[in-house]
């Protein structure tokens, strides 16, 4: 799928590095196929040392040498970078963006020609190949273009194809969600300490418990409510804890957190 195709990673920060590493580990591309850019020479030297790939300070040079352009810059920088390289982009390129809130239509307008654009929304667990990435094709992107994007992000976790109208909601749930879950895990750890567990033990118990519960949802395909009922025995410990959660409004608070994060995603960038 990526044979003899070069990949330009514009703005190769942590996520860009994770994508490069994931694709290399999955053996879907070779090191010589990558060319990465960054704003600072020091970052390029880090990438060269760590990944042994070609780097440049010039986004234009990277685009000229590449077929697939992975846009890893911040949302507020997308327009500037696309204007730098728009003259160099052709319909034979594929532009894949990981920038939150920046629509495919906005990018297509800046490019000003029928270049395939794909908008994606990964999350930070991609750094350890446990990520979740939603993929939404623009109007010029074909099924083959989407398949290439999916192959890339499958190397660092799971992928899901969605209509672009859902992408801000994906940002609020899947991209912001890890922060909400970290707060929950932190609370479990403090609770463990409160009931007498050593902090290190509480940390391991809480984190593995959340990992295991999440894996049960994904691997069994069962509704979380059904899995909850399996744990909740009559007159047992769990039902008392659930009553405390309901009394504290945890369910509603988490829903409101995702709704607010989604609203904010819609406000980040015009377009």
C-alpha atoms as a PDB file:
ATOM      1  CA  UNK A   1       0.000   0.000   0.000  1.00  0.00           C
ATOM      2  CA  UNK A   2       2.878   2.360   0.797  1.00  0.00           C
ATOM      3  CA  UNK A   3       5.419   0.775  -1.557  1.00  0.00           C
ATOM      4  CA  UNK A   4       7.775   3.371  -3.029  1.00  0.00           C
ATOM      5  CA  UNK A   5       5.694   6.187  -1.542  1.00  0.00           C
ATOM      6  CA  UNK A   6       7.345   8.790   0.630  1.00  0.00           C
ATOM      7  CA  UNK A   7       5.604  10.225   3.658  1.00  0.00           C
ATOM      8  CA  UNK A   8       6.145  13.802   4.816  1.00  0.00           C
ATOM      9  CA  UNK A   9       5.389  14.362   8.495  1.00  0.00           C
ATOM     10  CA  UNK A  10       4.927  18.109   8.903  1.00  0.00           C
ATOM     11  CA  UNK A  11       5.392  19.183  12.516  1.00  0.00           C
ATOM     12  CA  UNK A  12       6.780  15.922  13.888  1.00  0.00           C
ATOM     13  CA  UNK A  13       6.073  16.303  17.596  1.00  0.00           C
ATOM     14  CA  UNK A  14       5.134  13.460  19.940  1.00  0.00           C
ATOM     15  CA  UNK A  15       2.201  12.296  17.850  1.00  0.00           C
ATOM     16  CA  UNK A  16       4.134  12.470  14.607  1.00  0.00           C
ATOM     17  CA  UNK A  17       6.930  10.480  16.197  1.00  0.00           C
ATOM     18  CA  UNK A  18       4.418   7.922  17.501  1.00  0.00           C
ATOM     19  CA  UNK A  19       2.985   7.491  14.003  1.00  0.00           C
ATOM     20  CA  UNK A  20       6.418   7.048  12.468  1.00  0.00           C
ATOM     21  CA  UNK A  21       7.446   4.538  15.132  1.00  0.00           C
ATOM     22  CA  UNK A  22       4.156   2.632  14.859  1.00  0.00           C
ATOM     23  CA  UNK A  23       4.423   2.276  11.099  1.00  0.00           C
ATOM     24  CA  UNK A  24       8.058   1.205  11.335  1.00  0.00           C
ATOM     25  CA  UNK A  25       7.278  -1.368  14.030  1.00  0.00           C
ATOM     26  CA  UNK A  26       4.361  -2.688  11.970  1.00  0.00           C
ATOM     27  CA  UNK A  27       6.772  -2.943   9.017  1.00  0.00           C
ATOM     28  CA  UNK A  28       4.343  -1.199   6.661  1.00  0.00           C
ATOM     29  CA  UNK A  29       7.042   1.302   5.608  1.00  0.00           C
ATOM     30  CA  UNK A  30      10.815   1.661   5.754  1.00  0.00           C
ATOM     31  CA  UNK A  31      12.830   4.448   7.371  1.00  0.00           C
ATOM     32  CA  UNK A  32      13.937   5.828   4.009  1.00  0.00           C
ATOM     33  CA  UNK A  33      10.307   6.571   3.092  1.00  0.00           C
ATOM     34  CA  UNK A  34       9.924   9.230   5.797  1.00  0.00           C
ATOM     35  CA  UNK A  35      10.864  12.878   5.744  1.00  0.00           C
ATOM     36  CA  UNK A  36       9.930  14.875   8.837  1.00  0.00           C
ATOM     37  CA  UNK A  37       9.850  18.580   9.600  1.00  0.00           C
ATOM     38  CA  UNK A  38       9.911  20.590  12.805  1.00  0.00           C
ATOM     39  CA  UNK A  39      10.227  24.246  13.722  1.00  0.00           C
ATOM     40  CA  UNK A  40      13.538  23.808  15.532  1.00  0.00           C
ATOM     41  CA  UNK A  41      16.792  22.191  14.474  1.00  0.00           C
ATOM     42  CA  UNK A  42      17.199  20.572  17.891  1.00  0.00           C
ATOM     43  CA  UNK A  43      13.993  18.593  17.367  1.00  0.00           C
ATOM     44  CA  UNK A  44      15.148  17.427  13.962  1.00  0.00           C
ATOM     45  CA  UNK A  45      18.420  16.224  15.457  1.00  0.00           C
ATOM     46  CA  UNK A  46      16.438  14.238  18.048  1.00  0.00           C
ATOM     47  CA  UNK A  47      14.392  12.585  15.308  1.00  0.00           C
ATOM     48  CA  UNK A  48      17.482  11.776  13.254  1.00  0.00           C
ATOM     49  CA  UNK A  49      19.217  10.237  16.264  1.00  0.00           C
ATOM     50  CA  UNK A  50      16.207   8.298  17.528  1.00  0.00           C
ATOM     51  CA  UNK A  51      14.530   7.196  14.290  1.00  0.00           C
ATOM     52  CA  UNK A  52      17.286   7.486  11.650  1.00  0.00           C
ATOM     53  CA  UNK A  53      14.991   9.259   9.171  1.00  0.00           C
ATOM     54  CA  UNK A  54      15.475  12.202   6.831  1.00  0.00           C
ATOM     55  CA  UNK A  55      14.523  15.592   8.283  1.00  0.00           C
ATOM     56  CA  UNK A  56      14.306  19.184   7.090  1.00  0.00           C
ATOM     57  CA  UNK A  57      13.277  22.576   8.412  1.00  0.00           C
ATOM     58  CA  UNK A  58      11.430  23.198   5.129  1.00  0.00           C
ATOM     59  CA  UNK A  59       7.826  22.031   4.824  1.00  0.00           C
ATOM     60  CA  UNK A  60       8.044  22.751   1.100  1.00  0.00           C
ATOM     61  CA  UNK A  61      11.025  20.465   0.609  1.00  0.00           C
ATOM     62  CA  UNK A  62       9.248  17.676   2.489  1.00  0.00           C
ATOM     63  CA  UNK A  63       6.072  18.009   0.379  1.00  0.00           C
ATOM     64  CA  UNK A  64       8.062  18.068  -2.864  1.00  0.00           C
ATOM     65  CA  UNK A  65       9.668  14.751  -1.960  1.00  0.00           C
ATOM     66  CA  UNK A  66       6.522  13.036  -0.681  1.00  0.00           C
ATOM     67  CA  UNK A  67       3.284  11.464  -1.875  1.00  0.00           C
ATOM     68  CA  UNK A  68       1.486  11.369   1.469  1.00  0.00           C
ATOM     69  CA  UNK A  69       1.502  14.486   3.671  1.00  0.00           C
ATOM     70  CA  UNK A  70       0.773  13.959   7.343  1.00  0.00           C
ATOM     71  CA  UNK A  71      -0.178  17.276   8.930  1.00  0.00           C
ATOM     72  CA  UNK A  72       0.730  17.102  12.634  1.00  0.00           C
ATOM     73  CA  UNK A  73       0.830  20.827  13.425  1.00  0.00           C
ATOM     74  CA  UNK A  74      -1.391  22.617  15.949  1.00  0.00           C
ATOM     75  CA  UNK A  75      -4.884  23.620  14.776  1.00  0.00           C
ATOM     76  CA  UNK A  76      -4.004  27.313  14.799  1.00  0.00           C
ATOM     77  CA  UNK A  77      -1.025  26.647  12.492  1.00  0.00           C
ATOM     78  CA  UNK A  78      -2.781  24.538   9.856  1.00  0.00           C
ATOM     79  CA  UNK A  79      -3.723  27.451   7.612  1.00  0.00           C
ATOM     80  CA  UNK A  80      -0.204  28.925   7.659  1.00  0.00           C
ATOM     81  CA  UNK A  81       1.437  25.600   6.813  1.00  0.00           C
ATOM     82  CA  UNK A  82      -1.033  24.755   4.049  1.00  0.00           C
ATOM     83  CA  UNK A  83      -0.491  28.162   2.462  1.00  0.00           C
ATOM     84  CA  UNK A  84       3.267  27.476   2.510  1.00  0.00           C
ATOM     85  CA  UNK A  85       2.869  24.251   0.535  1.00  0.00           C
ATOM     86  CA  UNK A  86      -0.396  24.671  -1.423  1.00  0.00           C
ATOM     87  CA  UNK A  87       1.402  25.459  -4.696  1.00  0.00           C
ATOM     88  CA  UNK A  88       3.365  22.216  -4.343  1.00  0.00           C
ATOM     89  CA  UNK A  89       0.378  19.981  -3.642  1.00  0.00           C
ATOM     90  CA  UNK A  90      -1.180  18.061  -6.525  1.00  0.00           C
ATOM     91  CA  UNK A  91      -4.137  15.674  -6.857  1.00  0.00           C
ATOM     92  CA  UNK A  92      -1.571  12.858  -6.608  1.00  0.00           C
ATOM     93  CA  UNK A  93      -0.851  13.854  -2.999  1.00  0.00           C
ATOM     94  CA  UNK A  94      -2.886  12.807   0.027  1.00  0.00           C
ATOM     95  CA  UNK A  95      -3.134  15.216   2.965  1.00  0.00           C
ATOM     96  CA  UNK A  96      -3.968  13.612   6.310  1.00  0.00           C
ATOM     97  CA  UNK A  97      -4.560  16.000   9.197  1.00  0.00           C
ATOM     98  CA  UNK A  98      -4.572  15.199  12.920  1.00  0.00           C
ATOM     99  CA  UNK A  99      -5.487  18.765  13.921  1.00  0.00           C
ATOM    100  CA  UNK A 100      -8.550  19.086  16.160  1.00  0.00           C
ATOM    101  CA  UNK A 101     -11.433  21.254  14.932  1.00  0.00           C
ATOM    102  CA  UNK A 102      -9.997  21.994  11.477  1.00  0.00           C
ATOM    103  CA  UNK A 103     -12.518  20.824   8.880  1.00  0.00           C
ATOM    104  CA  UNK A 104     -11.675  19.089   5.635  1.00  0.00           C
ATOM    105  CA  UNK A 105     -13.591  21.795   3.781  1.00  0.00           C
ATOM    106  CA  UNK A 106     -11.443  24.503   5.374  1.00  0.00           C
ATOM    107  CA  UNK A 107      -8.261  22.702   4.325  1.00  0.00           C
ATOM    108  CA  UNK A 108      -9.594  22.049   0.822  1.00  0.00           C
ATOM    109  CA  UNK A 109     -10.416  25.738   0.456  1.00  0.00           C
ATOM    110  CA  UNK A 110      -6.877  26.770   1.467  1.00  0.00           C
ATOM    111  CA  UNK A 111      -5.331  24.238  -0.924  1.00  0.00           C
ATOM    112  CA  UNK A 112      -7.598  25.432  -3.726  1.00  0.00           C
ATOM    113  CA  UNK A 113      -7.365  22.347  -5.947  1.00  0.00           C
ATOM    114  CA  UNK A 114      -8.796  18.789  -5.883  1.00  0.00           C
ATOM    115  CA  UNK A 115      -6.251  17.305  -3.492  1.00  0.00           C
ATOM    116  CA  UNK A 116      -7.545  14.417  -1.348  1.00  0.00           C
ATOM    117  CA  UNK A 117      -7.839  15.513   2.284  1.00  0.00           C
ATOM    118  CA  UNK A 118      -8.581  13.235   5.226  1.00  0.00           C
ATOM    119  CA  UNK A 119      -9.317  14.540   8.707  1.00  0.00           C
ATOM    120  CA  UNK A 120      -8.427  12.330  11.652  1.00  0.00           C
ATOM    121  CA  UNK A 121      -8.704  12.586  15.416  1.00  0.00           C
ATOM    122  CA  UNK A 122      -6.286  10.358  17.353  1.00  0.00           C
ATOM    123  CA  UNK A 123      -5.756  10.411  21.117  1.00  0.00           C
ATOM    124  CA  UNK A 124      -2.679  10.283  23.333  1.00  0.00           C
ATOM    125  CA  UNK A 125      -2.728   6.513  24.035  1.00  0.00           C
ATOM    126  CA  UNK A 126      -1.472   6.327  20.437  1.00  0.00           C
ATOM    127  CA  UNK A 127       1.928   7.006  22.021  1.00  0.00           C
ATOM    128  CA  UNK A 128       1.898   3.428  23.376  1.00  0.00           C
ATOM    129  CA  UNK A 129       0.009   1.888  20.417  1.00  0.00           C
ATOM    130  CA  UNK A 130      -3.264   1.740  22.377  1.00  0.00           C
ATOM    131  CA  UNK A 131      -4.853   4.704  20.665  1.00  0.00           C
ATOM    132  CA  UNK A 132      -8.249   5.348  19.143  1.00  0.00           C
ATOM    133  CA  UNK A 133      -8.418   7.295  15.889  1.00  0.00           C
ATOM    134  CA  UNK A 134     -11.520   8.444  14.043  1.00  0.00           C
ATOM    135  CA  UNK A 135     -11.103   9.002  10.294  1.00  0.00           C
ATOM    136  CA  UNK A 136     -13.284  11.243   8.120  1.00  0.00           C
ATOM    137  CA  UNK A 137     -12.635  11.640   4.372  1.00  0.00           C
ATOM    138  CA  UNK A 138     -12.979  14.960   2.553  1.00  0.00           C
ATOM    139  CA  UNK A 139     -14.830  15.314  -0.760  1.00  0.00           C
ATOM    140  CA  UNK A 140     -11.865  14.346  -2.956  1.00  0.00           C
ATOM    141  CA  UNK A 141     -10.780  11.322  -0.890  1.00  0.00           C
ATOM    142  CA  UNK A 142     -11.527   7.866  -2.299  1.00  0.00           C
ATOM    143  CA  UNK A 143     -11.913   4.543  -0.524  1.00  0.00           C
ATOM    144  CA  UNK A 144      -8.272   3.789  -1.389  1.00  0.00           C
ATOM    145  CA  UNK A 145      -7.128   7.021   0.259  1.00  0.00           C
ATOM    146  CA  UNK A 146      -9.126   6.156   3.385  1.00  0.00           C
ATOM    147  CA  UNK A 147      -7.619   2.661   3.408  1.00  0.00           C
ATOM    148  CA  UNK A 148      -4.129   4.186   3.396  1.00  0.00           C
ATOM    149  CA  UNK A 149      -5.012   6.433   6.340  1.00  0.00           C
ATOM    150  CA  UNK A 150      -6.511   3.518   8.215  1.00  0.00           C
ATOM    151  CA  UNK A 151      -3.417   1.382   7.637  1.00  0.00           C
ATOM    152  CA  UNK A 152      -1.314   4.165   9.125  1.00  0.00           C
ATOM    153  CA  UNK A 153      -3.361   4.610  12.289  1.00  0.00           C
ATOM    154  CA  UNK A 154      -4.048   0.898  12.790  1.00  0.00           C
ATOM    155  CA  UNK A 155      -0.317   0.697  13.552  1.00  0.00           C
ATOM    156  CA  UNK A 156      -0.883   2.681  16.773  1.00  0.00           C
ATOM    157  CA  UNK A 157      -4.249   1.372  17.961  1.00  0.00           C
ATOM    158  CA  UNK A 158      -7.821   1.064  16.699  1.00  0.00           C
ATOM    159  CA  UNK A 159      -9.520   3.053  13.956  1.00  0.00           C
ATOM    160  CA  UNK A 160     -13.093   3.996  13.108  1.00  0.00           C
ATOM    161  CA  UNK A 161     -14.453   5.594   9.920  1.00  0.00           C
ATOM    162  CA  UNK A 162     -17.038   8.314  10.628  1.00  0.00           C
ATOM    163  CA  UNK A 163     -18.815  11.155   8.864  1.00  0.00           C
ATOM    164  CA  UNK A 164     -16.998  14.404   9.504  1.00  0.00           C
ATOM    165  CA  UNK A 165     -20.019  15.886  11.277  1.00  0.00           C
ATOM    166  CA  UNK A 166     -19.108  13.657  14.237  1.00  0.00           C
ATOM    167  CA  UNK A 167     -15.475  14.745  14.574  1.00  0.00           C
ATOM    168  CA  UNK A 168     -15.969  17.431  17.229  1.00  0.00           C
ATOM    169  CA  UNK A 169     -17.854  14.871  19.311  1.00  0.00           C
ATOM    170  CA  UNK A 170     -14.947  12.472  18.816  1.00  0.00           C
ATOM    171  CA  UNK A 171     -12.641  15.201  20.102  1.00  0.00           C
ATOM    172  CA  UNK A 172     -14.810  15.669  23.194  1.00  0.00           C
ATOM    173  CA  UNK A 173     -15.137  11.955  23.925  1.00  0.00           C
ATOM    174  CA  UNK A 174     -12.140  10.058  22.604  1.00  0.00           C
ATOM    175  CA  UNK A 175      -9.428  12.738  22.495  1.00  0.00           C
ATOM    176  CA  UNK A 176     -10.320  14.612  25.707  1.00  0.00           C
ATOM    177  CA  UNK A 177     -11.587  11.474  27.424  1.00  0.00           C
ATOM    178  CA  UNK A 178      -8.219  10.109  28.570  1.00  0.00           C
ATOM    179  CA  UNK A 179      -7.818  13.165  30.821  1.00  0.00           C
ATOM    180  CA  UNK A 180     -11.196  12.425  32.412  1.00  0.00           C
ATOM    181  CA  UNK A 181     -10.225   8.795  32.919  1.00  0.00           C
ATOM    182  CA  UNK A 182      -6.898   9.796  34.505  1.00  0.00           C
ATOM    183  CA  UNK A 183      -8.856  11.818  37.063  1.00  0.00           C
ATOM    184  CA  UNK A 184     -11.022   8.771  37.756  1.00  0.00           C
ATOM    185  CA  UNK A 185      -7.948   6.553  38.148  1.00  0.00           C
ATOM    186  CA  UNK A 186      -6.352   9.146  40.415  1.00  0.00           C
ATOM    187  CA  UNK A 187      -9.498   9.152  42.535  1.00  0.00           C
ATOM    188  CA  UNK A 188      -9.450   5.355  42.776  1.00  0.00           C
ATOM    189  CA  UNK A 189      -5.834   5.518  43.926  1.00  0.00           C
ATOM    190  CA  UNK A 190      -6.659   8.061  46.634  1.00  0.00           C
ATOM    191  CA  UNK A 191      -9.592   5.878  47.685  1.00  0.00           C
ATOM    192  CA  UNK A 192      -7.275   2.892  47.950  1.00  0.00           C
ATOM    193  CA  UNK A 193      -4.908   4.877  50.153  1.00  0.00           C
ATOM    194  CA  UNK A 194      -7.881   6.027  52.244  1.00  0.00           C
ATOM    195  CA  UNK A 195      -8.900   2.416  52.953  1.00  0.00           C
ATOM    196  CA  UNK A 196      -5.342   1.413  53.858  1.00  0.00           C
ATOM    197  CA  UNK A 197      -3.583   0.288  50.692  1.00  0.00           C
ATOM    198  CA  UNK A 198       0.017   1.318  49.981  1.00  0.00           C
ATOM    199  CA  UNK A 199       0.021   3.953  47.226  1.00  0.00           C
ATOM    200  CA  UNK A 200       2.020   1.849  44.765  1.00  0.00           C
ATOM    201  CA  UNK A 201      -0.348  -1.090  45.235  1.00  0.00           C
ATOM    202  CA  UNK A 202      -3.390   1.170  44.879  1.00  0.00           C
ATOM    203  CA  UNK A 203      -1.968   2.612  41.671  1.00  0.00           C
ATOM    204  CA  UNK A 204      -1.382  -0.792  40.107  1.00  0.00           C
ATOM    205  CA  UNK A 205      -4.755  -2.129  41.239  1.00  0.00           C
ATOM    206  CA  UNK A 206      -6.652   0.900  39.938  1.00  0.00           C
ATOM    207  CA  UNK A 207      -4.904   1.182  36.578  1.00  0.00           C
ATOM    208  CA  UNK A 208      -5.063  -2.520  35.766  1.00  0.00           C
ATOM    209  CA  UNK A 209      -8.703  -2.637  36.859  1.00  0.00           C
ATOM    210  CA  UNK A 210      -9.623   0.158  34.419  1.00  0.00           C
ATOM    211  CA  UNK A 211      -7.599  -1.514  31.657  1.00  0.00           C
ATOM    212  CA  UNK A 212      -9.296  -4.843  32.310  1.00  0.00           C
ATOM    213  CA  UNK A 213     -12.791  -3.353  32.453  1.00  0.00           C
ATOM    214  CA  UNK A 214     -12.215  -1.515  29.162  1.00  0.00           C
ATOM    215  CA  UNK A 215     -10.900  -4.686  27.541  1.00  0.00           C
ATOM    216  CA  UNK A 216     -14.007  -6.570  28.691  1.00  0.00           C
ATOM    217  CA  UNK A 217     -16.230  -4.060  26.878  1.00  0.00           C
ATOM    218  CA  UNK A 218     -14.197  -4.279  23.667  1.00  0.00           C
ATOM    219  CA  UNK A 219     -13.572  -8.019  23.619  1.00  0.00           C
ATOM    220  CA  UNK A 220     -16.966  -9.313  24.767  1.00  0.00           C
ATOM    221  CA  UNK A 221     -19.071  -6.788  22.867  1.00  0.00           C
ATOM    222  CA  UNK A 222     -21.472  -6.751  25.811  1.00  0.00           C
ATOM    223  CA  UNK A 223     -23.226  -3.572  26.934  1.00  0.00           C
ATOM    224  CA  UNK A 224     -21.418  -2.015  29.915  1.00  0.00           C
ATOM    225  CA  UNK A 225     -24.650  -2.193  31.917  1.00  0.00           C
ATOM    226  CA  UNK A 226     -24.719  -5.982  31.526  1.00  0.00           C
ATOM    227  CA  UNK A 227     -21.080  -6.292  32.573  1.00  0.00           C
ATOM    228  CA  UNK A 228     -21.834  -4.054  35.564  1.00  0.00           C
ATOM    229  CA  UNK A 229     -24.673  -6.354  36.592  1.00  0.00           C
ATOM    230  CA  UNK A 230     -22.315  -9.358  36.590  1.00  0.00           C
ATOM    231  CA  UNK A 231     -20.191  -7.633  39.247  1.00  0.00           C
ATOM    232  CA  UNK A 232     -23.154  -6.385  41.252  1.00  0.00           C
ATOM    233  CA  UNK A 233     -24.316  -9.287  43.426  1.00  0.00           C
ATOM    234  CA  UNK A 234     -27.444  -8.979  45.595  1.00  0.00           C
ATOM    235  CA  UNK A 235     -26.821  -7.212  48.920  1.00  0.00           C
ATOM    236  CA  UNK A 236     -23.095  -7.132  48.116  1.00  0.00           C
ATOM    237  CA  UNK A 237     -20.384  -4.478  48.332  1.00  0.00           C
ATOM    238  CA  UNK A 238     -20.650  -3.176  44.764  1.00  0.00           C
ATOM    239  CA  UNK A 239     -24.253  -1.995  44.931  1.00  0.00           C
ATOM    240  CA  UNK A 240     -23.438   0.174  47.934  1.00  0.00           C
ATOM    241  CA  UNK A 241     -20.603   1.781  45.969  1.00  0.00           C
ATOM    242  CA  UNK A 242     -22.846   2.315  42.936  1.00  0.00           C
ATOM    243  CA  UNK A 243     -25.413   4.081  45.103  1.00  0.00           C
ATOM    244  CA  UNK A 244     -22.699   6.479  46.256  1.00  0.00           C
ATOM    245  CA  UNK A 245     -21.720   7.171  42.627  1.00  0.00           C
ATOM    246  CA  UNK A 246     -25.325   7.863  41.664  1.00  0.00           C
ATOM    247  CA  UNK A 247     -25.819  10.083  44.699  1.00  0.00           C
ATOM    248  CA  UNK A 248     -22.697  12.050  43.714  1.00  0.00           C
ATOM    249  CA  UNK A 249     -23.927  12.534  40.161  1.00  0.00           C
ATOM    250  CA  UNK A 250     -20.900  10.889  38.520  1.00  0.00           C
ATOM    251  CA  UNK A 251     -22.840   9.730  35.462  1.00  0.00           C
ATOM    252  CA  UNK A 252     -24.307  13.167  34.697  1.00  0.00           C
ATOM    253  CA  UNK A 253     -21.021  14.933  35.441  1.00  0.00           C
ATOM    254  CA  UNK A 254     -19.098  12.759  32.950  1.00  0.00           C
ATOM    255  CA  UNK A 255     -21.742  13.319  30.268  1.00  0.00           C
ATOM    256  CA  UNK A 256     -21.571  17.080  30.848  1.00  0.00           C
ATOM    257  CA  UNK A 257     -17.746  16.987  30.649  1.00  0.00           C
ATOM    258  CA  UNK A 258     -17.870  15.388  27.183  1.00  0.00           C
ATOM    259  CA  UNK A 259     -20.593  17.785  26.019  1.00  0.00           C
ATOM    260  CA  UNK A 260     -18.568  20.797  27.156  1.00  0.00           C
ATOM    261  CA  UNK A 261     -15.361  19.503  25.556  1.00  0.00           C
ATOM    262  CA  UNK A 262     -17.282  18.947  22.300  1.00  0.00           C
ATOM    263  CA  UNK A 263     -18.618  22.488  22.404  1.00  0.00           C
ATOM    264  CA  UNK A 264     -15.117  23.814  22.920  1.00  0.00           C
ATOM    265  CA  UNK A 265     -13.822  21.774  19.984  1.00  0.00           C
ATOM    266  CA  UNK A 266     -16.327  23.549  17.743  1.00  0.00           C
ATOM    267  CA  UNK A 267     -15.012  26.913  18.932  1.00  0.00           C
ATOM    268  CA  UNK A 268     -11.263  26.288  18.471  1.00  0.00           C
ATOM    269  CA  UNK A 269     -10.919  27.119  14.800  1.00  0.00           C
ATOM    270  CA  UNK A 270     -13.310  28.843  12.438  1.00  0.00           C
ATOM    271  CA  UNK A 271     -14.188  26.871   9.352  1.00  0.00           C
END
